[in-house]
């Protein structure tokens, strides 16, 4: 008996993709900020280390160890009236070379009246051939305060990594009392090296950070912010917003200025402890 094999019968399995979704809401309890609800799914985890003050600190973790094409992460953090919370990441998020598709990360933040919220993730590292679409949506009450920090690294200089091609899209939409007050759309790639070399972008640098403070009294920090940033970047204030951009040649040098800037702007909470681990 002859057995004929047919390529039509050979099943080709699709690559496994990472998916994670997590949501955390906090509420006031006896003058302190405490967990209200926590939901976790897939590779998205949230941990809540003990703190000695009234702030709640949340540490988000992607247990897949990084993202590549087709991976998807969803985060949502809701801070009730009068609460104080800051959210950070356990480590830098790594975006690896894609064999097809784009990694997707969507983050939503809300803050109630007289609440204070700080979004302080560690660096996102984009590797050669990576592709990432990211969105950040924030809804603030009239009297809430928010500090947003997003550092980006295009390859690690200390590791000899050189990013020639990658695709990165970052979209911010921030509203207060239902009205849009800040919008950003950053796109780069696929010819990343050429674009990073432009004087109007990074001028040949490989790291950048955006820092945005939304607070009626933010203007008082403008001079000190400009002093910390120095010549590699700039800062401005208008309509209750202090916006700063920092650029540098490597992640270590960027952090040397970013850490004191967070300490200045993040009230008494300072820099999350995991940043120094």
Protein backbone atom coordinates (compact mmCIF):
# COMPACT_ATOMS: atom_id res chain seq x y z
CA UNK A 1 0.00 0.00 0.00
CA UNK A 2 1.36 3.38 -0.97
CA UNK A 3 0.97 6.28 1.44
CA UNK A 4 1.12 9.71 -0.10
CA UNK A 5 1.83 12.67 2.14
CA UNK A 6 0.21 15.95 1.18
CA UNK A 7 1.42 19.35 2.28
CA UNK A 8 -2.23 20.38 2.39
CA UNK A 9 -2.64 18.21 5.48
CA UNK A 10 0.26 19.70 7.41
CA UNK A 11 -1.07 22.04 10.06
CA UNK A 12 0.94 25.18 10.68
CA UNK A 13 0.45 26.43 14.22
CA UNK A 14 0.32 30.17 14.81
CA UNK A 15 2.95 31.65 17.15
CA UNK A 16 1.77 31.97 20.72
CA UNK A 17 1.03 35.57 21.68
CA UNK A 18 1.09 37.19 25.10
CA UNK A 19 -2.05 38.81 26.47
CA UNK A 20 -2.60 40.54 29.76
CA UNK A 21 -5.24 42.80 31.30
CA UNK A 22 -5.42 44.24 34.80
CA UNK A 23 -7.50 46.83 36.63
CA UNK A 24 -7.03 48.43 40.02
CA UNK A 25 -9.33 50.87 41.82
CA UNK A 26 -8.51 52.50 45.16
CA UNK A 27 -10.61 54.25 47.82
CA UNK A 28 -10.04 56.28 51.01
CA UNK A 29 -10.05 54.34 54.29
CA UNK A 30 -9.46 56.24 57.56
CA UNK A 31 -7.48 58.92 55.81
CA UNK A 32 -5.31 56.50 53.82
CA UNK A 33 -5.54 55.17 50.27
CA UNK A 34 -6.41 51.50 50.13
CA UNK A 35 -7.34 48.91 47.51
CA UNK A 36 -10.98 48.76 46.44
CA UNK A 37 -10.99 46.26 43.56
CA UNK A 38 -8.28 44.32 41.74
CA UNK A 39 -8.63 42.27 38.57
CA UNK A 40 -5.81 40.40 36.81
CA UNK A 41 -5.78 38.30 33.65
CA UNK A 42 -3.08 36.57 31.64
CA UNK A 43 0.46 37.91 32.00
CA UNK A 44 -0.62 41.21 33.63
CA UNK A 45 -0.02 41.39 37.38
CA UNK A 46 -0.25 44.17 39.96
CA UNK A 47 1.55 44.12 43.30
CA UNK A 48 0.99 46.54 46.21
CA UNK A 49 4.06 46.92 48.45
CA UNK A 50 3.63 48.26 51.97
CA UNK A 51 4.28 51.97 52.42
CA UNK A 52 4.72 54.11 55.52
CA UNK A 53 2.60 57.04 54.36
CA UNK A 54 -0.85 57.78 53.00
CA UNK A 55 0.14 57.06 49.41
CA UNK A 56 -0.66 53.76 47.74
CA UNK A 57 2.01 52.41 45.41
CA UNK A 58 1.14 49.90 42.70
CA UNK A 59 3.77 47.95 40.75
CA UNK A 60 2.69 46.48 37.41
CA UNK A 61 4.38 43.38 36.05
CA UNK A 62 4.36 41.77 32.61
CA UNK A 63 5.24 38.15 33.40
CA UNK A 64 5.87 37.34 29.73
CA UNK A 65 9.23 39.11 30.04
CA UNK A 66 8.72 41.53 27.16
CA UNK A 67 6.55 42.17 24.13
CA UNK A 68 6.77 41.38 20.43
CA UNK A 69 4.47 41.55 17.41
CA UNK A 70 0.89 40.55 18.20
CA UNK A 71 1.24 40.79 22.00
CA UNK A 72 -1.36 42.86 23.82
CA UNK A 73 -1.44 44.50 27.27
CA UNK A 74 -4.32 46.45 28.88
CA UNK A 75 -4.01 48.44 32.14
CA UNK A 76 -6.64 50.49 34.00
CA UNK A 77 -6.17 52.45 37.25
CA UNK A 78 -8.95 54.37 38.99
CA UNK A 79 -8.23 56.71 41.91
CA UNK A 80 -11.23 57.84 43.95
CA UNK A 81 -11.87 61.28 45.45
CA UNK A 82 -9.23 62.37 47.94
CA UNK A 83 -6.92 59.42 47.29
CA UNK A 84 -3.19 59.46 46.50
CA UNK A 85 -1.61 56.75 44.39
CA UNK A 86 1.37 56.20 42.17
CA UNK A 87 1.84 53.44 39.61
CA UNK A 88 5.18 52.17 38.35
CA UNK A 89 6.65 49.08 36.67
CA UNK A 90 8.76 46.33 38.19
CA UNK A 91 11.40 46.78 35.48
CA UNK A 92 11.93 48.28 32.05
CA UNK A 93 9.47 47.06 29.43
CA UNK A 94 11.31 45.47 26.50
CA UNK A 95 9.89 45.53 22.98
CA UNK A 96 11.62 42.82 20.91
CA UNK A 97 12.00 42.27 17.18
CA UNK A 98 8.74 41.30 15.56
CA UNK A 99 8.29 38.45 13.10
CA UNK A 100 4.92 39.94 12.11
CA UNK A 101 2.37 42.21 13.67
CA UNK A 102 2.62 45.02 16.20
CA UNK A 103 2.69 44.91 20.00
CA UNK A 104 -0.14 46.88 21.61
CA UNK A 105 -0.26 48.54 25.04
CA UNK A 106 -3.26 50.56 26.24
CA UNK A 107 -3.34 52.34 29.61
CA UNK A 108 -6.29 54.16 31.16
CA UNK A 109 -6.11 56.38 34.26
CA UNK A 110 -8.83 58.23 36.17
CA UNK A 111 -8.55 60.51 39.20
CA UNK A 112 -11.42 61.94 41.28
CA UNK A 113 -11.81 65.26 43.05
CA UNK A 114 -8.80 66.31 45.16
CA UNK A 115 -7.04 63.07 44.16
CA UNK A 116 -3.38 62.82 43.23
CA UNK A 117 -2.12 60.29 40.68
CA UNK A 118 1.40 59.63 39.41
CA UNK A 119 2.10 57.39 36.40
CA UNK A 120 5.82 56.55 36.66
CA UNK A 121 6.79 53.54 34.53
CA UNK A 122 10.45 52.72 34.08
CA UNK A 123 11.98 52.94 30.62
CA UNK A 124 10.44 51.28 27.58
CA UNK A 125 13.31 49.81 25.53
CA UNK A 126 12.79 49.45 21.79
CA UNK A 127 15.05 46.87 20.11
CA UNK A 128 16.03 46.57 16.44
CA UNK A 129 13.08 45.51 14.30
CA UNK A 130 10.47 46.07 17.02
CA UNK A 131 6.98 47.49 16.51
CA UNK A 132 4.80 49.06 19.22
CA UNK A 133 1.50 50.94 19.29
CA UNK A 134 0.76 52.53 22.65
CA UNK A 135 -2.14 54.63 23.94
CA UNK A 136 -2.56 56.56 27.19
CA UNK A 137 -6.03 57.85 28.12
CA UNK A 138 -6.50 59.94 31.26
CA UNK A 139 -9.72 61.36 32.76
CA UNK A 140 -9.26 63.88 35.57
CA UNK A 141 -11.73 65.62 37.84
CA UNK A 142 -11.66 69.41 38.15
CA UNK A 143 -9.47 69.45 41.29
CA UNK A 144 -7.30 66.36 40.75
CA UNK A 145 -3.54 66.37 40.22
CA UNK A 146 -1.56 64.11 37.89
CA UNK A 147 2.11 63.54 37.11
CA UNK A 148 2.87 61.57 33.95
CA UNK A 149 6.36 60.32 33.05
CA UNK A 150 7.27 58.22 29.99
CA UNK A 151 10.95 57.46 29.24
CA UNK A 152 11.92 55.74 25.95
CA UNK A 153 15.22 54.08 25.01
CA UNK A 154 16.12 53.25 21.41
CA UNK A 155 18.64 50.48 22.08
CA UNK A 156 20.98 50.29 25.07
CA UNK A 157 24.30 52.00 24.44
CA UNK A 158 26.07 50.04 27.20
CA UNK A 159 25.07 46.77 25.48
CA UNK A 160 26.23 47.93 22.06
CA UNK A 161 22.70 47.89 20.68
CA UNK A 162 22.02 50.02 17.61
CA UNK A 163 18.46 50.55 16.40
CA UNK A 164 18.29 51.23 12.67
CA UNK A 165 14.70 50.24 12.04
CA UNK A 166 11.68 50.01 14.32
CA UNK A 167 8.15 51.39 14.48
CA UNK A 168 6.79 53.25 17.50
CA UNK A 169 3.48 55.09 17.82
CA UNK A 170 2.43 56.78 21.06
CA UNK A 171 -0.95 58.47 21.49
CA UNK A 172 -1.98 60.53 24.56
CA UNK A 173 -5.45 61.90 25.27
CA UNK A 174 -6.02 63.70 28.57
CA UNK A 175 -9.31 65.24 29.68
CA UNK A 176 -10.40 67.25 32.70
CA UNK A 177 -14.08 67.29 33.63
CA UNK A 178 -14.85 65.80 30.23
CA UNK A 179 -12.93 68.43 28.25
CA UNK A 180 -9.80 67.58 26.28
CA UNK A 181 -6.83 69.49 27.74
CA UNK A 182 -3.82 67.67 26.27
CA UNK A 183 -3.21 65.55 23.18
CA UNK A 184 -0.03 64.07 21.75
CA UNK A 185 0.76 61.79 18.82
CA UNK A 186 4.35 60.63 18.44
CA UNK A 187 5.33 58.44 15.49
CA UNK A 188 8.70 57.22 14.37
CA UNK A 189 9.92 54.57 11.94
CA UNK A 190 10.55 52.45 10.11
CA UNK A 191 13.76 54.37 9.22
CA UNK A 192 14.34 55.12 12.88
CA UNK A 193 18.06 55.91 12.82
CA UNK A 194 17.61 58.57 10.15
CA UNK A 195 14.69 60.16 11.97
CA UNK A 196 16.45 60.17 15.36
CA UNK A 197 19.34 62.04 13.77
CA UNK A 198 17.17 65.01 12.84
CA UNK A 199 17.87 68.12 14.96
CA UNK A 200 14.15 68.67 15.49
CA UNK A 201 13.76 65.21 17.04
CA UNK A 202 16.63 63.74 19.10
CA UNK A 203 19.63 65.14 17.20
CA UNK A 204 21.43 61.81 17.26
CA UNK A 205 20.56 60.97 20.88
CA UNK A 206 19.00 57.58 21.69
CA UNK A 207 16.91 58.26 24.83
CA UNK A 208 14.04 60.61 25.58
CA UNK A 209 11.47 61.27 28.30
CA UNK A 210 8.25 63.24 28.45
CA UNK A 211 7.20 64.64 31.81
CA UNK A 212 3.78 66.25 32.23
CA UNK A 213 2.45 67.74 35.47
CA UNK A 214 -1.24 68.67 35.52
CA UNK A 215 -1.76 70.91 38.52
CA UNK A 216 -2.96 74.48 39.04
CA UNK A 217 0.23 75.30 40.97
CA UNK A 218 2.65 73.62 38.55
CA UNK A 219 4.14 76.92 37.38
CA UNK A 220 6.09 77.31 40.63
CA UNK A 221 8.26 74.37 39.56
CA UNK A 222 9.14 75.74 36.11
CA UNK A 223 12.48 77.38 36.93
CA UNK A 224 13.70 74.40 38.98
CA UNK A 225 12.61 72.02 36.22
CA UNK A 226 14.59 73.94 33.60
CA UNK A 227 17.64 73.93 35.84
CA UNK A 228 17.49 70.12 36.25
CA UNK A 229 16.96 69.50 32.54
CA UNK A 230 19.80 71.77 31.40
CA UNK A 231 20.64 72.09 27.71
CA UNK A 232 19.36 68.65 26.65
CA UNK A 233 15.65 69.37 26.55
CA UNK A 234 13.26 72.07 27.66
CA UNK A 235 10.16 72.90 29.70
CA UNK A 236 7.17 75.18 29.44
CA UNK A 237 3.99 75.99 31.37
CA UNK A 238 0.52 77.00 30.23
CA UNK A 239 -3.10 76.45 31.33
CA UNK A 240 -2.22 74.44 34.43
CA UNK A 241 0.25 72.18 32.60
CA UNK A 242 4.00 71.90 33.04
CA UNK A 243 5.45 69.97 30.10
CA UNK A 244 9.11 68.90 29.95
CA UNK A 245 11.13 66.96 27.38
CA UNK A 246 14.50 65.39 28.13
CA UNK A 247 16.91 63.75 25.70
CA UNK A 248 20.28 62.09 26.25
CA UNK A 249 22.81 59.73 24.74
CA UNK A 250 22.14 56.79 27.09
CA UNK A 251 19.62 55.62 29.68
CA UNK A 252 21.94 56.13 32.67
CA UNK A 253 22.59 59.77 31.83
CA UNK A 254 18.89 60.36 31.28
CA UNK A 255 18.03 58.88 34.68
CA UNK A 256 20.54 61.14 36.42
CA UNK A 257 18.30 64.07 35.49
CA UNK A 258 14.93 62.31 35.42
CA UNK A 259 15.12 61.04 39.02
CA UNK A 260 15.64 64.50 40.63
CA UNK A 261 12.90 65.88 38.38
CA UNK A 262 10.44 63.26 39.64
CA UNK A 263 11.50 64.00 43.21
CA UNK A 264 10.74 67.67 42.59
CA UNK A 265 7.32 67.17 40.98
CA UNK A 266 5.92 64.12 42.80
CA UNK A 267 5.07 65.90 46.04
CA UNK A 268 6.24 63.92 49.09
CA UNK A 269 6.03 60.51 47.40
CA UNK A 270 9.32 60.92 45.50
CA UNK A 271 10.64 58.21 43.21
CA UNK A 272 9.24 54.64 43.54
CA UNK A 273 11.60 52.31 45.40
CA UNK A 274 11.66 49.77 42.55
CA UNK A 275 13.49 52.33 40.40
CA UNK A 276 16.61 51.75 42.53
CA UNK A 277 16.42 47.93 42.75
